[in-house]
Every structure is written in structure tokens, then in C-alpha cells.
Amino acid sequence: MKIDDAIELLKTEKARAEKKSEIKILQNMIGILLDLQTRQLSAEDLAAVESELDVMELDAYQENRKRHLRKKLAKFQQFLKDKFSLIAKGHYTALGIAFGVAFGGMFGMMIDKTLGSSLGISFGIAFGLVVGRYLDAQAEAQNRVLNVEFK
């Protein structure tokens, strides 16, 4: 499926959608495809994206449409990350905060069970936020960030 065809299909689905969450997923998918259109992709890369769109079967009717679209969006974002190293805005920040909470809590529990865990989580979040923002800024400088929000 061509990128233009996928965008048109998703726009018609968005017009038919009633739930806000489903509309948001469709907007994210449209945003990704519009961003890919503006990038200078080689013919080989464009063919890979179009074949991935074929595999996604966006026009297939599903009982639970929102769940189906959310899975397809996550799969497509993973494909773009693996194939082209493209990430959504805030990807590394969210990842850094998650790791900061996990490791900060673990290290805080080693020090003290009550005060240490809360301090460990706090410092872990702060450290993860700083590292994540730094990595997001690097990705932005390398033009590897898609113009959609991280979910």
C-alpha cells in the first residue's frame, strides 16, 4: 500500500471514528506517515515502508478497532525504530524515567527500607529524566525523531 493511500484510508477511518482514544491513535498514524513523506527516503526504504503497510492490513475490519489500531501503531513504530532508527518524541525520556524508578527504588531499598526507597526513586527519576532528555536531544539533532508524541 502506498503511503498516500494509507493516509487517505486513515483519514476516512478518523472521520468515522467516535471514540477520542481511537481518533488519537489514527492521528498518530497519520502524523507518522506524513512525516515519512517529507523525509528523503530511498526507493528501497520506501518499498520497505510500503510493504510494511501491506502487512499491517489497515483496511481489515476488526471487532475491537481501537485495540487493533493500537497494536498496529506499536508494531509500525517498532519497525521504524528497527529499520530506520526513527523514534517518537520523548521516547528516551520515558525510558529513562522508567529505568530511574526501577533502579532508584532498588538501590534505595538497599540503603534503607523507608526513607531510602523514596529518596532512591526520586533521584532515579531525576537522573533518568536528565539522561533521557539528553538522548532525545541527540536524536533530534540527528533528525531521527518522528513528529508524534510518545505513547
C-alpha atoms as a PDB file:
ATOM      1  CA  MET A   1       0.000   0.000   0.000  1.00  0.00           C
ATOM      2  CA  LYS A   2       1.362   3.405  -0.942  1.00  0.00           C
ATOM      3  CA  ILE A   3       1.835   5.987   1.787  1.00  0.00           C
ATOM      4  CA  ASP A   4      -0.692   8.338   0.149  1.00  0.00           C
ATOM      5  CA  ASP A   5      -3.298   5.566   0.015  1.00  0.00           C
ATOM      6  CA  ALA A   6      -2.693   4.695   3.670  1.00  0.00           C
ATOM      7  CA  ILE A   7      -3.079   8.345   4.681  1.00  0.00           C
ATOM      8  CA  GLU A   8      -6.380   8.634   2.815  1.00  0.00           C
ATOM      9  CA  LEU A   9      -7.637   5.380   4.330  1.00  0.00           C
ATOM     10  CA  LEU A  10      -6.702   6.514   7.827  1.00  0.00           C
ATOM     11  CA  LYS A  11      -8.338   9.922   7.288  1.00  0.00           C
ATOM     12  CA  THR A  12     -11.617   8.257   6.302  1.00  0.00           C
ATOM     13  CA  GLU A  13     -11.362   5.969   9.339  1.00  0.00           C
ATOM     14  CA  LYS A  14     -10.725   9.017  11.509  1.00  0.00           C
ATOM     15  CA  ALA A  15     -13.852  10.700  10.128  1.00  0.00           C
ATOM     16  CA  ARG A  16     -15.872   7.593  11.029  1.00  0.00           C
ATOM     17  CA  ALA A  17     -14.329   7.119  14.475  1.00  0.00           C
ATOM     18  CA  GLU A  18     -16.372   8.088  17.504  1.00  0.00           C
ATOM     19  CA  LYS A  19     -14.029   7.477  20.433  1.00  0.00           C
ATOM     20  CA  LYS A  20     -11.407  10.095  21.285  1.00  0.00           C
ATOM     21  CA  SER A  21      -8.784   7.442  22.001  1.00  0.00           C
ATOM     22  CA  GLU A  22      -9.296   5.860  18.589  1.00  0.00           C
ATOM     23  CA  ILE A  23      -9.065   9.269  16.905  1.00  0.00           C
ATOM     24  CA  LYS A  24      -5.788   9.952  18.743  1.00  0.00           C
ATOM     25  CA  ILE A  25      -4.296   6.669  17.533  1.00  0.00           C
ATOM     26  CA  LEU A  26      -5.367   7.449  13.973  1.00  0.00           C
ATOM     27  CA  GLN A  27      -3.890  10.957  14.238  1.00  0.00           C
ATOM     28  CA  ASN A  28      -0.587   9.475  15.397  1.00  0.00           C
ATOM     29  CA  MET A  29      -0.537   7.038  12.474  1.00  0.00           C
ATOM     30  CA  ILE A  30      -1.353   9.813  10.007  1.00  0.00           C
ATOM     31  CA  GLY A  31       1.335  12.015  11.574  1.00  0.00           C
ATOM     32  CA  ILE A  32       3.944   9.287  11.191  1.00  0.00           C
ATOM     33  CA  LEU A  33       3.046   8.723   7.549  1.00  0.00           C
ATOM     34  CA  LEU A  34       3.067  12.452   6.791  1.00  0.00           C
ATOM     35  CA  ASP A  35       6.477  12.720   8.450  1.00  0.00           C
ATOM     36  CA  LEU A  36       7.758   9.816   6.350  1.00  0.00           C
ATOM     37  CA  GLN A  37       6.521  11.567   3.213  1.00  0.00           C
ATOM     38  CA  THR A  38       8.598  14.644   3.978  1.00  0.00           C
ATOM     39  CA  ARG A  39      11.782  12.625   4.559  1.00  0.00           C
ATOM     40  CA  GLN A  40      14.036  11.852   1.647  1.00  0.00           C
ATOM     41  CA  LEU A  41      13.719   8.067   1.634  1.00  0.00           C
ATOM     42  CA  SER A  42      15.492   5.970  -0.964  1.00  0.00           C
ATOM     43  CA  ALA A  43      13.443   3.776  -3.283  1.00  0.00           C
ATOM     44  CA  GLU A  44      14.497   0.725  -1.285  1.00  0.00           C
ATOM     45  CA  ASP A  45      13.464   2.297   2.015  1.00  0.00           C
ATOM     46  CA  LEU A  46      10.172   3.481   0.542  1.00  0.00           C
ATOM     47  CA  ALA A  47       9.472  -0.039  -0.716  1.00  0.00           C
ATOM     48  CA  ALA A  48      10.173  -1.419   2.778  1.00  0.00           C
ATOM     49  CA  VAL A  49       7.734   1.038   4.347  1.00  0.00           C
ATOM     50  CA  GLU A  50       5.062   0.255   1.748  1.00  0.00           C
ATOM     51  CA  SER A  51       5.484  -3.494   2.230  1.00  0.00           C
ATOM     52  CA  GLU A  52       5.130  -2.997   5.988  1.00  0.00           C
ATOM     53  CA  LEU A  53       1.906  -1.060   5.354  1.00  0.00           C
ATOM     54  CA  ASP A  54       0.659  -4.011   3.291  1.00  0.00           C
ATOM     55  CA  VAL A  55       1.451  -6.407   6.128  1.00  0.00           C
ATOM     56  CA  MET A  56      -0.382  -4.203   8.635  1.00  0.00           C
ATOM     57  CA  GLU A  57      -3.719  -4.671   6.789  1.00  0.00           C
ATOM     58  CA  LEU A  58      -5.099  -1.303   7.853  1.00  0.00           C
ATOM     59  CA  ASP A  59      -8.307  -1.814   5.895  1.00  0.00           C
ATOM     60  CA  ALA A  60      -9.196  -5.118   7.583  1.00  0.00           C
ATOM     61  CA  TYR A  61     -12.308  -4.855   9.734  1.00  0.00           C
ATOM     62  CA  GLN A  62     -11.799  -5.792  13.363  1.00  0.00           C
ATOM     63  CA  GLU A  63     -14.263  -6.299  16.187  1.00  0.00           C
ATOM     64  CA  ASN A  64     -12.237  -4.177  18.617  1.00  0.00           C
ATOM     65  CA  ARG A  65     -10.948  -1.455  16.269  1.00  0.00           C
ATOM     66  CA  LYS A  66      -9.113   0.598  18.909  1.00  0.00           C
ATOM     67  CA  ARG A  67      -7.115  -2.354  20.178  1.00  0.00           C
ATOM     68  CA  HIS A  68      -6.312  -3.431  16.629  1.00  0.00           C
ATOM     69  CA  LEU A  69      -5.086   0.056  15.679  1.00  0.00           C
ATOM     70  CA  ARG A  70      -3.043   0.437  18.859  1.00  0.00           C
ATOM     71  CA  LYS A  71      -1.247  -2.844  18.135  1.00  0.00           C
ATOM     72  CA  LYS A  72      -0.629  -1.839  14.529  1.00  0.00           C
ATOM     73  CA  LEU A  73       0.721   1.554  15.599  1.00  0.00           C
ATOM     74  CA  ALA A  74       3.100  -0.042  18.104  1.00  0.00           C
ATOM     75  CA  LYS A  75       4.244  -2.581  15.522  1.00  0.00           C
ATOM     76  CA  PHE A  76       4.817   0.133  12.907  1.00  0.00           C
ATOM     77  CA  GLN A  77       6.744   2.303  15.384  1.00  0.00           C
ATOM     78  CA  GLN A  78       8.907  -0.709  16.271  1.00  0.00           C
ATOM     79  CA  PHE A  79       9.529  -1.337  12.562  1.00  0.00           C
ATOM     80  CA  LEU A  80      10.606   2.290  12.058  1.00  0.00           C
ATOM     81  CA  LYS A  81      12.848   2.110  15.112  1.00  0.00           C
ATOM     82  CA  ASP A  82      14.499  -1.129  13.976  1.00  0.00           C
ATOM     83  CA  LYS A  83      14.826  -0.330  10.273  1.00  0.00           C
ATOM     84  CA  PHE A  84      15.474   3.441  10.247  1.00  0.00           C
ATOM     85  CA  SER A  85      16.299   4.266  13.909  1.00  0.00           C
ATOM     86  CA  LEU A  86      13.322   6.641  13.998  1.00  0.00           C
ATOM     87  CA  ILE A  87      11.721   7.276  17.387  1.00  0.00           C
ATOM     88  CA  ALA A  88       8.780   9.274  18.703  1.00  0.00           C
ATOM     89  CA  LYS A  89       9.231  12.479  20.696  1.00  0.00           C
ATOM     90  CA  GLY A  90      10.045  11.786  24.335  1.00  0.00           C
ATOM     91  CA  HIS A  91      10.985   8.141  23.755  1.00  0.00           C
ATOM     92  CA  TYR A  92      14.246   8.214  25.691  1.00  0.00           C
ATOM     93  CA  THR A  93      12.811  10.469  28.388  1.00  0.00           C
ATOM     94  CA  ALA A  94      10.040   7.983  29.159  1.00  0.00           C
ATOM     95  CA  LEU A  95      12.503   5.115  29.051  1.00  0.00           C
ATOM     96  CA  GLY A  96      14.936   6.944  31.348  1.00  0.00           C
ATOM     97  CA  ILE A  97      12.242   7.723  33.900  1.00  0.00           C
ATOM     98  CA  ALA A  98      11.064   4.104  33.911  1.00  0.00           C
ATOM     99  CA  PHE A  99      14.584   2.806  34.472  1.00  0.00           C
ATOM    100  CA  GLY A 100      15.212   5.515  37.072  1.00  0.00           C
ATOM    101  CA  VAL A 101      12.182   4.454  39.089  1.00  0.00           C
ATOM    102  CA  ALA A 102      13.146   0.781  38.896  1.00  0.00           C
ATOM    103  CA  PHE A 103      16.825   1.103  39.721  1.00  0.00           C
ATOM    104  CA  GLY A 104      16.422   4.034  42.112  1.00  0.00           C
ATOM    105  CA  GLY A 105      13.873   2.099  44.133  1.00  0.00           C
ATOM    106  CA  MET A 106      16.115  -0.947  44.168  1.00  0.00           C
ATOM    107  CA  PHE A 107      19.177   0.980  45.324  1.00  0.00           C
ATOM    108  CA  GLY A 108      17.138   2.921  47.860  1.00  0.00           C
ATOM    109  CA  MET A 109      15.860  -0.319  49.384  1.00  0.00           C
ATOM    110  CA  MET A 110      19.454  -1.475  49.836  1.00  0.00           C
ATOM    111  CA  ILE A 111      20.260   1.620  51.885  1.00  0.00           C
ATOM    112  CA  ASP A 112      17.132   1.996  53.988  1.00  0.00           C
ATOM    113  CA  LYS A 113      13.691   0.474  53.611  1.00  0.00           C
ATOM    114  CA  THR A 114      11.591   3.569  54.333  1.00  0.00           C
ATOM    115  CA  LEU A 115      13.427   6.770  53.579  1.00  0.00           C
ATOM    116  CA  GLY A 116      15.910   5.162  51.187  1.00  0.00           C
ATOM    117  CA  SER A 117      13.284   3.869  48.800  1.00  0.00           C
ATOM    118  CA  SER A 118      11.589   7.255  48.424  1.00  0.00           C
ATOM    119  CA  LEU A 119      14.916   9.064  48.030  1.00  0.00           C
ATOM    120  CA  GLY A 120      16.164   6.396  45.641  1.00  0.00           C
ATOM    121  CA  ILE A 121      13.086   6.692  43.447  1.00  0.00           C
ATOM    122  CA  SER A 122      13.297  10.497  43.484  1.00  0.00           C
ATOM    123  CA  PHE A 123      16.958  10.541  42.482  1.00  0.00           C
ATOM    124  CA  GLY A 124      16.320   7.777  39.960  1.00  0.00           C
ATOM    125  CA  ILE A 125      13.564   9.792  38.290  1.00  0.00           C
ATOM    126  CA  ALA A 126      15.737  12.901  38.195  1.00  0.00           C
ATOM    127  CA  PHE A 127      18.708  11.000  36.781  1.00  0.00           C
ATOM    128  CA  GLY A 128      16.533   9.182  34.227  1.00  0.00           C
ATOM    129  CA  LEU A 129      14.935  12.463  33.175  1.00  0.00           C
ATOM    130  CA  VAL A 130      18.305  14.136  32.605  1.00  0.00           C
ATOM    131  CA  VAL A 131      19.752  11.201  30.664  1.00  0.00           C
ATOM    132  CA  GLY A 132      16.537  10.752  28.659  1.00  0.00           C
ATOM    133  CA  ARG A 133      16.349  14.425  27.709  1.00  0.00           C
ATOM    134  CA  TYR A 134      19.991  14.334  26.640  1.00  0.00           C
ATOM    135  CA  LEU A 135      19.423  11.283  24.420  1.00  0.00           C
ATOM    136  CA  ASP A 136      16.244  12.832  22.976  1.00  0.00           C
ATOM    137  CA  ALA A 137      18.205  15.999  22.138  1.00  0.00           C
ATOM    138  CA  GLN A 138      20.870  13.915  20.387  1.00  0.00           C
ATOM    139  CA  ALA A 139      18.229  12.049  18.391  1.00  0.00           C
ATOM    140  CA  GLU A 140      16.613  15.367  17.443  1.00  0.00           C
ATOM    141  CA  ALA A 141      19.965  16.716  16.247  1.00  0.00           C
ATOM    142  CA  GLN A 142      20.435  13.608  14.107  1.00  0.00           C
ATOM    143  CA  ASN A 143      16.918  14.028  12.614  1.00  0.00           C
ATOM    144  CA  ARG A 144      15.758  10.669  13.965  1.00  0.00           C
ATOM    145  CA  VAL A 145      12.619  11.912  15.729  1.00  0.00           C
ATOM    146  CA  LEU A 146       9.143  11.476  14.288  1.00  0.00           C
ATOM    147  CA  ASN A 147       6.647  14.284  14.752  1.00  0.00           C
ATOM    148  CA  VAL A 148       4.334  12.304  17.022  1.00  0.00           C
ATOM    149  CA  GLU A 149       4.107  12.047  20.779  1.00  0.00           C
ATOM    150  CA  PHE A 150       5.405   9.006  22.609  1.00  0.00           C
ATOM    151  CA  LYS A 151       2.687   6.697  23.985  1.00  0.00           C
END
